[in-house]
Amino acid sequence: MRAEWIASVSWIPLIVFTTSTTVPGGADPGDPDPGPAAAEAVGSGLAAGFDHTCRLLEDGAVRCWGGNDQGQLGDGTDTARIGPVAVRVEGVSFAALSAGHKRTCAIAGDGRLFCWGVDTKRIPGQPMGPSRHAPVVEIEGRTFASVSVGTQHACALTEAGEAFCWGRNHAGELGNGTTESSGQPVPVSGGHTFTEVVVGGDHSCGLTGDGAVFCWGSNDFGELGVPDRQGSSPEPVRVQTDVRFDDIEAGLNRTCALTADGAAWCWGSNGHGALGDGTDEPRKAPTAVSGELRFTALALGNMHTCGLTEAGAAHCWGFNGFGELGDGTTDARSVPTAVSGEHVFTDIAAGGYHTCGITEGMPGPLCWGRDPSAGLAGAEAVRILVPTPIGGASVAGPAGPGGQRGDGGDR
């Protein structure tokens, strides 16, 4: 998950905007691993959490917008923001970014991990500590090359491709062979060298240099990609496929991956058609996304998925109750469906029930779906059905499923 929640490819250089509007709103199997390989910067560019979005600029600065009730925007307040606001940190330039449920993390140029919002080290069942409204060094004494933040756990890679995870571990999502939660990073078992690691709701996955995927944690919907496995796994298991992948993403309870030629494959939960294979049946092994489209990037939200083609066209599929597919409707789609407008996107990120993208020729982001900041299209709007400049007054619908702002599960 872009994680994901999120998290993640090497992105086209972004347009740096020098001004931003700050307006308060309502909150609401088998083969050995290859030798060590350099870890990719997971989550760099654009990252979406459950109800907020952040953008990493070319100069290493971060701008965030949306919900902010736990300080996930990092601007020193708990006020929701319609437009991008600067993350409050001095003398730090970031190189990678990830957003999760009510929290955001970024890797500084020197490898230090900074986070803000809900503490990623918190162990469920223990008292909730105060939220951080500005970036703080999350893990002392360690440096990382990439990070992926989920609902209640996170994972990161070192420069050598070693994976560490921390947080909740009830389904073995930390991958260290136990189900004991940990407030400090624990090494993922197996001695694998990964080029990428991504975090979903209760599972995690890593990509090796030879294109194999290993997953660990919950397997309630087949998100580990091992058809004959019953139950979760506290250690990495290899996804059963002969397909080799170049990039992986994780969502709430599913996983998707791209091949070198841009073909998309997904497995796990398929509610509302979120796997894009034309059905709503869960898949326990990688299944090809329908159609002939080839993608350069994928973004996974709670129950929707989006892909970006080489030409910059965005296509989405899955749940659409808040307009998060951006096709002007609230109809679920089980195959990739073009996002409305002739936008050329350079970046895309999927949150809980919203999607945002960066386009050519526009200084700021376009967003669509559930409006957590009560401001994308007016104070009464909950659904944004087509890509809309944040803070703009464009197409919006009435309240989505549940009828009240704040409905919906964790991303």
Protein backbone atom coordinates (compact mmCIF):
# COMPACT_ATOMS: atom_id res chain seq x y z
CA MET A 1 0.00 0.00 0.00
CA ARG A 2 1.21 3.06 -0.77
CA ALA A 3 1.29 2.72 2.15
CA GLU A 4 -1.25 2.06 2.15
CA TRP A 5 -0.89 2.24 3.32
CA ILE A 6 1.44 2.91 0.72
CA ALA A 7 3.23 2.86 -1.07
CA SER A 8 5.33 2.72 -4.66
CA VAL A 9 7.57 3.27 -7.52
CA SER A 10 10.18 5.67 -8.74
CA TRP A 11 8.17 8.66 -9.82
CA ILE A 12 8.49 11.21 -12.62
CA PRO A 13 9.87 14.47 -11.22
CA LEU A 14 7.17 16.56 -9.62
CA ILE A 15 6.18 20.17 -10.20
CA VAL A 16 7.13 22.19 -7.16
CA PHE A 17 4.43 24.62 -6.13
CA THR A 18 5.63 27.60 -4.21
CA THR A 19 2.35 28.78 -2.78
CA SER A 20 -0.43 26.93 -1.02
CA THR A 21 -3.78 27.79 0.46
CA THR A 22 -4.22 27.08 4.13
CA VAL A 23 -7.89 27.07 5.01
CA PRO A 24 -9.34 25.40 8.09
CA GLY A 25 -12.19 22.97 7.50
CA GLY A 26 -14.26 20.47 9.45
CA ALA A 27 -12.31 17.45 10.69
CA ASP A 28 -13.66 14.57 10.59
CA PRO A 29 8.41 -20.66 -3.50
CA GLY A 30 11.64 -22.09 -3.47
CA ASP A 31 14.36 -20.23 -5.38
CA PRO A 32 17.07 -18.60 -3.27
CA ASP A 33 17.21 -14.84 -3.07
CA PRO A 34 19.75 -13.03 -5.22
CA GLY A 35 22.60 -11.13 -3.66
CA PRO A 36 22.07 -7.78 -1.92
CA ALA A 37 20.45 -5.08 -4.01
CA ALA A 38 19.88 -1.43 -3.32
CA ALA A 39 16.48 -0.79 -1.76
CA GLU A 40 14.13 1.44 -3.69
CA ALA A 41 12.61 4.52 -2.09
CA VAL A 42 9.11 3.29 -1.36
CA GLY A 43 6.41 5.90 -1.08
CA SER A 44 8.27 8.81 -2.64
CA GLY A 45 6.15 11.30 -4.58
CA LEU A 46 2.51 11.23 -3.54
CA ALA A 47 1.12 9.25 -0.58
CA ALA A 48 -2.45 8.92 0.67
CA GLY A 49 -3.61 7.79 4.10
CA PHE A 50 -7.10 7.04 5.29
CA ASP A 51 -8.31 10.62 5.16
CA HIS A 52 -5.26 12.68 4.23
CA THR A 53 -2.73 13.04 1.43
CA CYS A 54 0.88 14.21 1.35
CA ARG A 55 3.25 15.18 -1.43
CA LEU A 56 7.05 14.99 -1.46
CA LEU A 57 8.53 17.84 -3.45
CA GLU A 58 11.71 17.87 -5.48
CA ASP A 59 13.50 19.91 -2.84
CA GLY A 60 12.72 17.35 -0.10
CA ALA A 61 9.91 19.35 1.49
CA VAL A 62 6.54 17.75 2.27
CA ARG A 63 3.07 19.28 1.88
CA CYS A 64 -0.08 17.64 3.28
CA TRP A 65 -3.84 18.24 3.21
CA GLY A 66 -7.12 16.66 4.38
CA GLY A 67 -8.07 15.26 7.77
CA ASN A 68 -5.85 16.22 10.67
CA ASP A 69 -7.58 15.15 13.87
CA GLN A 70 -4.47 13.23 15.00
CA GLY A 71 -1.90 15.63 13.61
CA GLN A 72 -1.33 13.53 10.48
CA LEU A 73 -0.64 16.63 8.41
CA GLY A 74 2.33 17.58 10.55
CA ASP A 75 1.69 21.31 10.47
CA GLY A 76 1.63 21.70 14.25
CA THR A 77 -2.18 21.68 14.53
CA ASP A 78 -5.13 19.30 14.53
CA THR A 79 -7.11 21.40 12.05
CA ALA A 80 -8.23 19.84 8.76
CA ARG A 81 -6.83 21.61 5.71
CA ILE A 82 -8.41 22.16 2.32
CA GLY A 83 -5.13 23.04 0.63
CA PRO A 84 -1.55 21.79 1.02
CA VAL A 85 0.26 22.99 4.12
CA ALA A 86 3.94 22.70 4.94
CA VAL A 87 5.00 19.94 7.33
CA ARG A 88 6.52 21.66 10.32
CA VAL A 89 10.17 20.63 10.40
CA GLU A 90 13.34 22.64 9.97
CA GLY A 91 16.66 21.62 8.48
CA VAL A 92 15.43 18.26 7.22
CA SER A 93 15.14 17.21 3.58
CA PHE A 94 13.08 14.08 2.92
CA ALA A 95 13.72 11.38 0.31
CA ALA A 96 10.80 8.94 0.78
CA LEU A 97 7.24 9.22 2.04
CA SER A 98 4.40 6.96 3.19
CA ALA A 99 0.99 7.57 4.75
CA GLY A 100 -1.24 5.23 6.76
CA HIS A 101 -4.21 5.44 9.08
CA LYS A 102 -3.99 8.80 10.82
CA ARG A 103 -0.19 8.82 10.52
CA THR A 104 2.55 9.81 8.10
CA CYS A 105 6.22 8.84 7.94
CA ALA A 106 9.13 10.06 5.84
CA ILE A 107 12.78 9.11 5.43
CA ALA A 108 15.27 11.95 5.64
CA GLY A 109 18.27 12.16 3.36
CA ASP A 110 20.48 10.79 6.13
CA GLY A 111 18.20 7.77 6.66
CA ARG A 112 16.48 8.92 9.84
CA LEU A 113 12.80 7.98 10.09
CA PHE A 114 10.46 10.79 11.03
CA CYS A 115 6.75 10.28 11.74
CA TRP A 116 3.79 12.37 12.80
CA GLY A 117 0.16 11.72 13.75
CA VAL A 118 -0.66 8.51 15.62
CA ASP A 119 2.49 6.81 17.01
CA THR A 120 3.47 3.88 14.74
CA LYS A 121 5.21 2.24 17.74
CA ARG A 122 2.00 2.04 19.81
CA ILE A 123 1.01 -1.51 20.75
CA PRO A 124 -2.77 -2.11 20.72
CA GLY A 125 -4.16 -2.59 24.20
CA GLN A 126 -1.73 -0.16 25.75
CA PRO A 127 -2.74 3.40 26.60
CA MET A 128 -2.85 5.75 23.66
CA GLY A 129 -0.07 8.28 23.88
CA PRO A 130 -0.42 11.82 22.62
CA SER A 131 -0.50 12.33 18.87
CA ARG A 132 2.42 14.13 17.31
CA HIS A 133 1.40 17.24 15.41
CA ALA A 134 4.84 17.71 13.86
CA PRO A 135 7.58 15.28 12.74
CA VAL A 136 9.64 13.49 15.37
CA VAL A 137 12.38 10.86 14.98
CA GLU A 138 10.38 7.65 15.29
CA ILE A 139 13.13 5.01 15.64
CA GLU A 140 16.31 6.01 17.41
CA GLY A 141 19.61 4.45 16.41
CA ARG A 142 18.52 3.06 13.05
CA THR A 143 18.50 4.38 9.51
CA PHE A 144 16.36 3.22 6.62
CA ALA A 145 16.06 3.61 2.85
CA SER A 146 12.28 3.21 2.62
CA VAL A 147 9.17 2.88 4.77
CA SER A 148 5.59 1.67 4.38
CA VAL A 149 2.95 2.60 6.95
CA GLY A 150 -0.32 0.73 7.45
CA THR A 151 -3.24 0.70 9.84
CA GLN A 152 -1.46 -0.35 13.02
CA HIS A 153 1.95 -1.55 11.87
CA ALA A 154 4.80 -0.38 9.68
CA CYS A 155 7.78 -1.89 7.87
CA ALA A 156 11.00 -0.39 6.55
CA LEU A 157 14.04 -1.44 4.55
CA THR A 158 17.69 -0.72 5.22
CA GLU A 159 20.06 0.23 2.43
CA ALA A 160 21.12 -3.45 2.30
CA GLY A 161 17.52 -4.58 1.74
CA GLU A 162 16.91 -5.96 5.23
CA ALA A 163 13.29 -5.66 6.34
CA PHE A 164 12.21 -4.58 9.82
CA CYS A 165 8.62 -4.21 11.07
CA TRP A 166 6.99 -2.93 14.24
CA GLY A 167 3.53 -2.28 15.76
CA ARG A 168 0.57 -4.64 15.99
CA ASN A 169 1.29 -8.34 15.26
CA HIS A 170 -1.87 -10.30 16.03
CA ALA A 171 -1.77 -12.03 12.61
CA GLY A 172 2.01 -12.21 12.29
CA GLU A 173 2.19 -9.09 10.15
CA LEU A 174 5.61 -8.22 11.56
CA GLY A 175 7.02 -11.39 9.97
CA ASN A 176 9.37 -12.38 12.82
CA GLY A 177 7.82 -15.80 13.50
CA THR A 178 5.65 -14.66 16.42
CA THR A 179 2.33 -12.93 17.04
CA GLU A 180 3.72 -10.68 19.75
CA SER A 181 3.39 -6.99 19.02
CA SER A 182 6.51 -4.86 19.24
CA GLY A 183 7.04 -1.17 19.77
CA GLN A 184 10.50 -1.41 18.24
CA PRO A 185 11.61 -2.72 14.82
CA VAL A 186 12.07 -6.50 14.65
CA PRO A 187 13.85 -8.21 11.74
CA VAL A 188 11.66 -10.10 9.28
CA SER A 189 12.51 -13.83 9.33
CA GLY A 190 14.07 -15.74 6.47
CA GLY A 191 17.15 -13.69 5.67
CA HIS A 192 15.58 -12.31 2.51
CA THR A 193 16.98 -9.32 0.70
CA PHE A 194 14.18 -7.11 -0.57
CA THR A 195 14.11 -4.21 -2.99
CA GLU A 196 10.68 -3.13 -1.77
CA VAL A 197 8.41 -3.77 1.20
CA VAL A 198 4.73 -2.79 1.45
CA VAL A 199 2.18 -2.91 4.24
CA GLY A 200 -1.56 -3.63 4.07
CA GLY A 201 -4.13 -3.80 6.83
CA ASP A 202 -2.90 -6.94 8.61
CA HIS A 203 -0.34 -8.28 6.13
CA SER A 204 2.98 -7.24 4.62
CA CYS A 205 4.86 -8.20 1.46
CA GLY A 206 8.39 -7.88 0.12
CA LEU A 207 9.78 -7.97 -3.42
CA THR A 208 13.16 -9.58 -4.11
CA GLY A 209 15.65 -8.63 -6.78
CA ASP A 210 14.66 -11.60 -8.98
CA GLY A 211 10.99 -10.57 -9.05
CA ALA A 212 9.65 -12.98 -6.42
CA VAL A 213 7.15 -11.79 -3.82
CA PHE A 214 7.02 -12.99 -0.22
CA CYS A 215 4.10 -12.10 2.08
CA TRP A 216 3.34 -12.60 5.76
CA GLY A 217 0.53 -11.89 8.22
CA SER A 218 -3.21 -12.27 7.71
CA ASN A 219 -4.53 -14.58 4.99
CA ASP A 220 -8.25 -14.19 5.60
CA PHE A 221 -8.90 -13.28 1.97
CA GLY A 222 -5.91 -14.95 0.30
CA GLU A 223 -3.76 -11.84 0.45
CA LEU A 224 -0.61 -13.96 0.98
CA GLY A 225 -1.02 -15.44 -2.52
CA VAL A 226 -0.61 -19.09 -1.45
CA PRO A 227 -3.73 -21.07 -2.51
CA ASP A 228 -3.09 -24.16 -0.36
CA ARG A 229 -2.35 -22.21 2.82
CA GLN A 230 -4.96 -22.08 5.55
CA GLY A 231 -4.71 -19.23 8.00
CA SER A 232 -2.15 -16.52 8.57
CA SER A 233 1.64 -16.80 8.51
CA PRO A 234 4.00 -15.13 10.99
CA GLU A 235 6.90 -15.70 8.58
CA PRO A 236 7.34 -14.81 4.90
CA VAL A 237 5.82 -17.28 2.44
CA ARG A 238 6.46 -17.11 -1.27
CA VAL A 239 3.56 -16.05 -3.47
CA GLN A 240 2.78 -19.00 -5.74
CA THR A 241 3.24 -17.84 -9.32
CA ASP A 242 5.75 -18.15 -12.15
CA VAL A 243 5.27 -14.47 -12.95
CA ARG A 244 8.13 -12.16 -12.04
CA PHE A 245 7.29 -8.69 -10.79
CA ASP A 246 8.94 -5.29 -10.81
CA ASP A 247 6.73 -3.49 -8.31
CA ILE A 248 4.24 -4.38 -5.57
CA GLU A 249 1.48 -2.59 -3.67
CA ALA A 250 -0.68 -3.59 -0.70
CA GLY A 251 -4.19 -2.51 0.28
CA LEU A 252 -6.41 -3.26 3.23
CA ASN A 253 -6.72 -7.00 2.52
CA ARG A 254 -5.30 -7.52 -0.96
CA THR A 255 -2.03 -7.25 -2.86
CA CYS A 256 -1.24 -6.17 -6.41
CA ALA A 257 1.92 -6.21 -8.51
CA LEU A 258 3.26 -5.07 -11.87
CA THR A 259 5.45 -7.00 -14.31
CA ALA A 260 8.32 -5.42 -16.23
CA ASP A 261 5.99 -4.77 -19.19
CA GLY A 262 3.33 -3.15 -17.00
CA ALA A 263 0.82 -6.01 -16.72
CA ALA A 264 -1.11 -5.84 -13.43
CA TRP A 265 -1.86 -8.85 -11.24
CA CYS A 266 -3.82 -8.86 -7.96
CA TRP A 267 -4.85 -11.32 -5.23
CA GLY A 268 -6.82 -11.30 -1.99
CA SER A 269 -10.16 -9.66 -1.27
CA ASN A 270 -12.21 -8.80 -4.35
CA GLY A 271 -15.16 -6.99 -2.84
CA HIS A 272 -16.78 -4.61 -5.33
CA GLY A 273 -14.33 -5.85 -7.99
CA ALA A 274 -11.23 -4.36 -6.37
CA LEU A 275 -8.95 -6.95 -8.05
CA GLY A 276 -10.08 -5.81 -11.48
CA ASP A 277 -10.59 -9.28 -13.01
CA GLY A 278 -14.25 -8.73 -13.90
CA THR A 279 -15.59 -10.60 -10.86
CA ASP A 280 -16.09 -10.05 -7.15
CA GLU A 281 -14.65 -13.45 -6.14
CA PRO A 282 -11.62 -13.47 -3.81
CA ARG A 283 -8.41 -14.83 -5.35
CA LYS A 284 -5.79 -16.79 -3.41
CA ALA A 285 -3.20 -16.56 -6.20
CA PRO A 286 -2.16 -13.73 -8.50
CA THR A 287 -4.86 -13.10 -11.10
CA ALA A 288 -4.42 -10.88 -14.13
CA VAL A 289 -6.31 -7.60 -14.18
CA SER A 290 -8.73 -7.57 -17.11
CA GLY A 291 -7.92 -5.82 -20.37
CA GLU A 292 -4.81 -4.94 -22.31
CA LEU A 293 -3.80 -1.86 -20.36
CA ARG A 294 -0.22 -1.56 -19.21
CA PHE A 295 0.62 0.48 -16.13
CA THR A 296 3.66 2.25 -14.74
CA ALA A 297 2.19 2.53 -11.24
CA LEU A 298 -0.59 1.14 -9.07
CA ALA A 299 -2.28 2.68 -6.04
CA LEU A 300 -4.46 0.71 -3.60
CA GLY A 301 -7.04 2.20 -1.26
CA ASN A 302 -9.45 0.49 1.13
CA MET A 303 -11.58 -1.14 -1.54
CA HIS A 304 -10.51 0.53 -4.78
CA THR A 305 -7.46 0.33 -7.02
CA CYS A 306 -6.04 2.74 -9.58
CA GLY A 307 -3.39 2.42 -12.26
CA LEU A 308 -1.42 4.97 -14.21
CA THR A 309 -0.41 4.27 -17.82
CA GLU A 310 2.81 5.40 -19.49
CA ALA A 311 0.80 8.08 -21.30
CA GLY A 312 -0.41 9.43 -17.95
CA ALA A 313 -3.99 8.17 -18.18
CA ALA A 314 -5.56 7.04 -14.92
CA HIS A 315 -7.88 4.04 -14.67
CA CYS A 316 -9.58 2.85 -11.47
CA TRP A 317 -11.72 -0.08 -10.35
CA GLY A 318 -13.47 -1.42 -7.25
CA PHE A 319 -15.70 0.34 -4.72
CA ASN A 320 -17.02 3.70 -5.84
CA GLY A 321 -19.54 4.72 -3.21
CA PHE A 322 -17.83 8.07 -2.70
CA GLY A 323 -16.72 8.61 -6.30
CA GLU A 324 -13.17 7.42 -5.63
CA LEU A 325 -12.95 5.93 -9.15
CA GLY A 326 -13.37 9.40 -10.62
CA ASP A 327 -15.62 8.37 -13.53
CA GLY A 328 -18.48 10.70 -12.60
CA THR A 329 -20.60 7.94 -11.00
CA THR A 330 -20.87 6.02 -7.77
CA ASP A 331 -21.12 2.65 -9.54
CA ALA A 332 -18.63 -0.06 -8.58
CA ARG A 333 -16.41 -1.29 -11.43
CA SER A 334 -14.81 -4.73 -11.63
CA VAL A 335 -12.53 -3.82 -14.57
CA PRO A 336 -10.28 -0.79 -15.09
CA THR A 337 -12.39 2.26 -15.95
CA ALA A 338 -11.03 5.55 -17.25
CA VAL A 339 -10.99 8.50 -14.86
CA SER A 340 -13.04 11.39 -16.25
CA GLY A 341 -11.31 14.17 -18.16
CA GLU A 342 -8.30 14.24 -20.41
CA HIS A 343 -5.82 14.65 -17.60
CA VAL A 344 -2.20 13.59 -17.98
CA PHE A 345 -1.09 12.40 -14.56
CA THR A 346 2.49 12.09 -13.41
CA ASP A 347 1.57 10.61 -10.03
CA ILE A 348 -1.43 9.02 -8.31
CA ALA A 349 -2.24 7.86 -4.77
CA ALA A 350 -5.29 6.08 -3.31
CA GLY A 351 -6.46 6.70 0.24
CA GLY A 352 -9.22 5.15 2.29
CA TYR A 353 -12.03 6.36 0.08
CA HIS A 354 -10.37 9.05 -2.01
CA THR A 355 -7.81 9.38 -4.78
CA CYS A 356 -5.45 12.21 -5.67
CA GLY A 357 -3.18 12.82 -8.63
CA ILE A 358 -0.60 15.27 -9.92
CA THR A 359 -1.12 16.40 -13.50
CA GLU A 360 0.94 18.11 -16.14
CA GLY A 361 0.21 21.78 -16.48
CA MET A 362 -1.43 22.32 -13.09
CA PRO A 363 0.37 23.69 -10.02
CA GLY A 364 -1.66 21.73 -7.48
CA PRO A 365 -3.21 18.29 -7.06
CA LEU A 366 -6.55 16.99 -8.27
CA CYS A 367 -8.56 14.83 -5.89
CA TRP A 368 -11.80 12.88 -6.00
CA GLY A 369 -13.86 10.61 -3.73
CA ARG A 370 -14.70 11.12 -0.07
CA ASP A 371 -13.94 14.64 1.09
CA PRO A 372 -12.50 14.38 4.60
CA SER A 373 -11.66 18.05 4.92
CA ALA A 374 -15.16 19.40 4.21
CA GLY A 375 -13.70 21.65 1.58
CA LEU A 376 -12.82 20.10 -1.76
CA ALA A 377 -16.15 21.22 -3.17
CA GLY A 378 -17.89 23.05 -0.37
CA ALA A 379 -18.70 22.55 3.28
CA GLU A 380 -21.65 20.23 2.63
CA ALA A 381 -19.91 17.97 0.11
CA VAL A 382 -18.94 14.43 1.00
CA ARG A 383 -18.47 12.93 -2.48
CA ILE A 384 -16.34 14.36 -5.29
CA LEU A 385 -17.18 12.42 -8.45
CA VAL A 386 -14.53 13.67 -10.88
CA PRO A 387 -10.97 15.00 -10.51
CA THR A 388 -11.27 18.39 -8.85
CA PRO A 389 -8.66 20.94 -7.75
CA ILE A 390 -8.50 20.82 -3.98
CA GLY A 391 -10.48 23.72 -2.65
CA GLY A 392 -12.41 24.01 -5.93
CA ALA A 393 -16.18 24.17 -6.32
CA SER A 394 -16.86 21.38 -8.81
CA VAL A 395 -18.97 18.23 -9.13
CA ALA A 396 -20.01 16.80 -5.80
CA GLY A 397 -22.78 14.49 -4.67
CA PRO A 398 -24.66 13.89 -1.45
CA ALA A 399 -23.46 11.74 1.40
CA GLY A 400 -22.15 8.32 0.40
CA PRO A 401 -22.88 4.97 2.05
CA GLY A 402 -23.60 5.43 5.72
CA GLY A 403 -24.81 8.97 5.10
CA GLN A 404 -22.51 10.68 7.59
CA ARG A 405 -19.07 12.11 7.44
CA GLY A 406 -16.63 9.81 9.20
CA ASP A 407 -18.25 6.50 8.21
CA GLY A 408 -15.97 3.80 6.84
CA GLY A 409 -13.30 1.43 8.09
CA ASP A 410 -9.58 1.67 8.37
CA ARG A 411 -7.58 1.97 5.23
